[in-house]
Amino acid sequence: MTNPDTERQAVFTLQGVAKTYTMGELQVQALKPTDLALYDGELVVLLGASGSGKSTLLNIIGGLDLPSAGTLRYGALDLSAADDATLTRFRRHHVGFVFQFYNLIPSLTALENVQLVTEISDRPMDAAEALALVGLGERLDHFPAQLSGGEQQRVAIARAIAKRPDILLCDEPTGALDYQTGRIVLDVLDRINREFGTTTVVITHNAAIASLAHRVVHIGSGSITHIEVNATRLSAEQIAW
């Protein structure tokens, strides 16, 4: 596959990565043998329908699941052969996760939710600084129930970026949000990618969001069907759906 920018290095390399789940006597192949490289500083959209294999691929890249076959490397680290302790260290030090549902702790303020991550990170960003970056500098002491859905998602993004991850993995980050709020969240993700150079992967079934990316990886029935390179990326403000 062509590197979209010859100055960038591949940070993840997948070769023949596949995932099969056993459900009783049934074998379900969620991901067929897949080759893919993710490059330093790019924003990639994984686009496909529900059940196409997007989340399985993301979970393997993020060290939440192991492939049944193939090799996944992060730099020189072979994640496909890693034990639980190695995967835990990898997730803790290198990966930020953003999910469709925000997974905030209701009894903690926005600031305290972000501080949970900074307390276990090697080189964390100040939690208040992370919240300011996502436009919530005035909402530090608010509890999740006092925040809108979009604000809660931005707290989740602040929590993910506060550890200064090498890669940010976002699973349907706008899936629970209305159009206007979703664009605000996409703008935050876009700015983090552009300003910090954080390699960012966004799962979506919404084709309009693909315009935000450097590359669009189309997935169907557990396979990558094709990859597009966007000659011109749109900003979140330019996207409509």
Protein backbone atom coordinates (compact mmCIF):
# COMPACT_ATOMS: atom_id res chain seq x y z
CA MET A 1 0.00 0.00 0.00
CA THR A 2 1.24 3.41 -0.83
CA ASN A 3 2.47 5.63 1.96
CA PRO A 4 0.42 8.85 1.69
CA ASP A 5 3.40 10.92 2.71
CA THR A 6 6.96 9.76 2.05
CA GLU A 7 8.17 11.74 5.08
CA ARG A 8 6.05 9.63 7.43
CA GLN A 9 7.02 6.33 9.01
CA ALA A 10 4.74 3.35 9.51
CA VAL A 11 3.93 3.12 13.21
CA PHE A 12 1.68 0.06 12.86
CA THR A 13 2.13 -2.77 10.39
CA LEU A 14 -0.47 -5.52 10.01
CA GLN A 15 0.35 -8.59 7.93
CA GLY A 16 -2.28 -11.26 7.46
CA VAL A 17 -4.06 -10.24 10.67
CA ALA A 18 -7.29 -12.19 11.15
CA LYS A 19 -9.73 -12.84 13.98
CA THR A 20 -12.00 -15.83 14.49
CA TYR A 21 -14.35 -16.17 17.46
CA THR A 22 -15.60 -19.53 18.73
CA MET A 23 -19.25 -19.56 19.75
CA GLY A 24 -20.02 -23.07 20.90
CA GLU A 25 -19.42 -25.26 17.88
CA LEU A 26 -19.61 -22.29 15.54
CA GLN A 27 -16.53 -20.48 14.17
CA VAL A 28 -17.18 -16.84 13.27
CA GLN A 29 -14.54 -15.05 11.21
CA ALA A 30 -14.92 -11.41 12.24
CA LEU A 31 -11.79 -10.29 10.37
CA LYS A 32 -10.29 -12.01 7.35
CA PRO A 33 -6.51 -11.88 6.72
CA THR A 34 -5.71 -8.18 6.51
CA ASP A 35 -2.64 -6.17 5.51
CA LEU A 36 -2.48 -2.52 6.55
CA ALA A 37 0.04 0.14 7.56
CA LEU A 38 -0.75 3.18 9.70
CA TYR A 39 1.60 6.12 9.34
CA ASP A 40 2.91 8.63 11.83
CA GLY A 41 0.67 11.67 12.14
CA GLU A 42 -2.08 10.62 9.76
CA LEU A 43 -5.83 10.60 10.35
CA VAL A 44 -7.46 7.44 9.03
CA VAL A 45 -11.17 6.71 8.81
CA LEU A 46 -12.29 3.07 8.92
CA LEU A 47 -15.57 3.16 7.02
CA GLY A 48 -18.10 0.37 6.88
CA ALA A 49 -21.49 -0.88 7.94
CA SER A 50 -22.25 -2.34 11.35
CA GLY A 51 -20.76 -5.83 11.62
CA SER A 52 -18.21 -5.25 8.87
CA GLY A 53 -15.19 -5.87 11.14
CA LYS A 54 -14.22 -2.25 11.94
CA SER A 55 -14.34 -2.59 15.72
CA THR A 56 -12.55 -5.93 15.64
CA LEU A 57 -9.71 -4.34 13.68
CA LEU A 58 -9.59 -1.34 16.02
CA ASN A 59 -9.56 -3.54 19.13
CA ILE A 60 -6.62 -5.53 17.76
CA ILE A 61 -4.67 -2.37 16.88
CA GLY A 62 -5.34 -1.00 20.37
CA GLY A 63 -4.18 -4.13 22.16
CA LEU A 64 -7.66 -4.90 23.52
CA ASP A 65 -7.76 -8.18 21.59
CA LEU A 66 -5.24 -10.53 20.02
CA PRO A 67 -5.43 -11.70 16.40
CA SER A 68 -6.10 -15.37 15.71
CA ALA A 69 -3.55 -15.25 12.89
CA GLY A 70 -1.04 -12.86 11.35
CA THR A 71 1.40 -10.32 12.74
CA LEU A 72 0.79 -6.87 14.20
CA ARG A 73 3.79 -4.70 14.94
CA TYR A 74 3.98 -1.36 16.69
CA GLY A 75 7.46 -0.21 15.74
CA ALA A 76 9.66 -3.14 16.76
CA LEU A 77 7.11 -4.52 19.24
CA ASP A 78 5.26 -7.64 18.08
CA LEU A 79 1.82 -7.14 19.64
CA SER A 80 0.44 -10.33 18.11
CA ALA A 81 2.79 -12.35 20.34
CA ALA A 82 2.55 -10.14 23.44
CA ASP A 83 1.44 -11.34 26.86
CA ASP A 84 -1.18 -9.56 28.98
CA ALA A 85 1.36 -7.48 30.90
CA THR A 86 2.96 -6.21 27.68
CA LEU A 87 -0.41 -5.35 26.18
CA THR A 88 -1.39 -3.49 29.35
CA ARG A 89 1.80 -1.42 29.22
CA PHE A 90 1.25 -0.73 25.53
CA ARG A 91 -2.31 0.51 26.11
CA ARG A 92 -1.32 2.56 29.14
CA HIS A 93 1.62 4.34 27.58
CA HIS A 94 0.84 4.57 23.88
CA VAL A 95 -2.91 4.43 23.17
CA GLY A 96 -5.81 6.79 23.81
CA PHE A 97 -9.33 5.40 23.40
CA VAL A 98 -12.56 7.28 22.63
CA PHE A 99 -15.77 5.27 22.44
CA GLN A 100 -19.31 6.01 21.28
CA PHE A 101 -20.53 6.04 24.89
CA TYR A 102 -18.35 8.21 27.03
CA ASN A 103 -17.55 5.86 29.94
CA LEU A 104 -17.16 8.72 32.41
CA ILE A 105 -17.41 8.05 36.14
CA PRO A 106 -20.61 9.84 37.26
CA SER A 107 -19.36 10.64 40.77
CA LEU A 108 -16.25 12.43 39.51
CA THR A 109 -16.01 15.91 37.99
CA ALA A 110 -14.72 16.49 34.48
CA LEU A 111 -11.31 17.35 35.92
CA GLU A 112 -11.22 14.26 38.12
CA ASN A 113 -12.24 12.00 35.23
CA VAL A 114 -9.24 13.25 33.25
CA GLN A 115 -6.93 13.05 36.26
CA LEU A 116 -7.59 9.32 36.48
CA VAL A 117 -5.44 8.93 33.37
CA THR A 118 -2.78 11.49 34.23
CA GLU A 119 -2.06 9.69 37.51
CA ILE A 120 -0.94 6.52 35.70
CA SER A 121 0.87 8.13 32.75
CA ASP A 122 4.61 8.67 32.32
CA ARG A 123 4.43 12.09 30.69
CA PRO A 124 0.91 13.37 31.19
CA MET A 125 -0.54 16.67 30.13
CA ASP A 126 -2.04 18.75 32.91
CA ALA A 127 -5.69 17.67 33.19
CA ALA A 128 -6.98 21.25 33.17
CA GLU A 129 -4.89 21.95 30.06
CA ALA A 130 -6.36 18.91 28.31
CA LEU A 131 -9.89 20.10 29.09
CA ALA A 132 -9.05 23.59 27.86
CA LEU A 133 -7.84 22.08 24.57
CA VAL A 134 -11.29 20.59 23.98
CA GLY A 135 -13.06 23.84 24.92
CA LEU A 136 -14.10 22.89 28.45
CA GLY A 137 -11.77 25.04 30.49
CA GLU A 138 -14.76 26.59 32.27
CA ARG A 139 -16.42 23.26 33.06
CA LEU A 140 -13.74 21.57 35.17
CA ASP A 141 -15.88 21.15 38.28
CA HIS A 142 -19.02 19.92 36.52
CA PHE A 143 -20.17 16.33 36.91
CA PRO A 144 -21.13 14.27 33.83
CA ALA A 145 -24.84 14.68 34.59
CA GLN A 146 -24.35 18.45 34.37
CA LEU A 147 -22.82 18.21 30.88
CA SER A 148 -24.42 17.69 27.48
CA GLY A 149 -23.64 14.59 25.43
CA GLY A 150 -21.16 16.53 23.29
CA GLU A 151 -19.45 17.95 26.37
CA GLN A 152 -19.18 14.49 27.91
CA GLN A 153 -17.60 13.20 24.70
CA ARG A 154 -15.12 16.07 24.79
CA VAL A 155 -14.23 15.14 28.38
CA ALA A 156 -13.62 11.60 27.09
CA ILE A 157 -11.34 13.00 24.37
CA ALA A 158 -9.49 15.14 26.93
CA ARG A 159 -9.00 12.03 29.06
CA ALA A 160 -7.65 10.13 26.05
CA ILE A 161 -5.19 12.83 24.97
CA ALA A 162 -4.01 13.74 28.49
CA LYS A 163 -1.58 10.83 28.47
CA ARG A 164 -0.06 12.21 25.22
CA PRO A 165 -0.76 8.97 23.30
CA ASP A 166 1.08 8.02 20.15
CA ILE A 167 -2.20 6.85 18.63
CA LEU A 168 -5.79 7.90 19.27
CA LEU A 169 -8.44 5.26 18.49
CA CYS A 170 -12.02 6.48 18.19
CA ASP A 171 -14.94 4.04 17.84
CA GLU A 172 -18.01 5.88 16.45
CA PRO A 173 -17.19 9.03 18.47
CA THR A 174 -20.17 10.91 17.02
CA GLY A 175 -22.57 7.97 16.93
CA ALA A 176 -24.62 9.12 19.95
CA LEU A 177 -24.59 12.81 19.02
CA ASP A 178 -26.70 15.08 16.86
CA TYR A 179 -25.26 16.68 13.74
CA GLN A 180 -24.15 20.02 15.22
CA THR A 181 -22.64 18.44 18.33
CA GLY A 182 -20.97 15.75 16.25
CA ARG A 183 -19.23 18.39 14.13
CA ILE A 184 -17.84 20.03 17.29
CA VAL A 185 -16.40 16.68 18.39
CA LEU A 186 -14.93 16.03 14.93
CA ASP A 187 -13.34 19.48 14.99
CA VAL A 188 -11.63 18.62 18.29
CA LEU A 189 -10.27 15.35 16.87
CA ASP A 190 -9.11 17.11 13.70
CA ARG A 191 -7.29 19.83 15.68
CA ILE A 192 -5.54 17.25 17.86
CA ASN A 193 -4.34 15.43 14.77
CA ARG A 194 -3.17 18.60 12.99
CA GLU A 195 -1.64 20.41 15.99
CA PHE A 196 -0.11 17.51 17.90
CA GLY A 197 0.56 15.11 15.04
CA THR A 198 -1.23 12.31 16.89
CA THR A 199 -1.90 9.34 14.63
CA THR A 200 -5.69 9.08 14.74
CA VAL A 201 -8.04 6.31 13.64
CA VAL A 202 -11.78 6.97 13.54
CA ILE A 203 -14.37 4.24 13.03
CA THR A 204 -17.62 5.35 11.44
CA HIS A 205 -20.49 4.14 9.27
CA ASN A 206 -21.05 7.77 8.17
CA ALA A 207 -19.47 8.29 4.74
CA ALA A 208 -19.46 12.10 5.10
CA ILE A 209 -16.91 11.91 7.91
CA ALA A 210 -14.43 10.26 5.53
CA SER A 211 -13.68 13.68 4.01
CA LEU A 212 -11.81 14.59 7.21
CA ALA A 213 -9.18 11.91 6.71
CA HIS A 214 -5.85 11.55 4.96
CA ARG A 215 -6.94 8.02 4.01
CA VAL A 216 -10.23 6.15 4.06
CA VAL A 217 -10.10 2.40 4.63
CA HIS A 218 -13.32 0.79 3.38
CA ILE A 219 -14.27 -2.42 5.20
CA GLY A 220 -16.95 -4.92 4.30
CA SER A 221 -17.66 -8.50 5.44
CA GLY A 222 -14.46 -8.66 7.48
CA SER A 223 -12.13 -7.46 4.72
CA ILE A 224 -10.58 -4.24 3.49
CA THR A 225 -12.27 -3.69 0.14
CA HIS A 226 -10.27 -0.63 -0.94
CA ILE A 227 -8.40 2.39 0.37
CA GLU A 228 -8.86 5.97 -0.78
CA VAL A 229 -6.39 8.83 -0.35
CA ASN A 230 -8.04 12.23 0.00
CA ALA A 231 -6.20 14.76 -2.15
CA THR A 232 -7.84 17.52 -0.10
CA ARG A 233 -9.08 17.10 3.45
CA LEU A 234 -12.20 18.97 4.52
CA SER A 235 -12.50 20.62 7.89
CA ALA A 236 -15.23 19.56 10.30
CA GLU A 237 -17.10 22.78 9.49
CA GLN A 238 -17.21 21.80 5.80
CA ILE A 239 -18.72 18.37 6.45
CA ALA A 240 -22.47 17.89 6.16
CA TRP A 241 -24.64 14.82 6.55
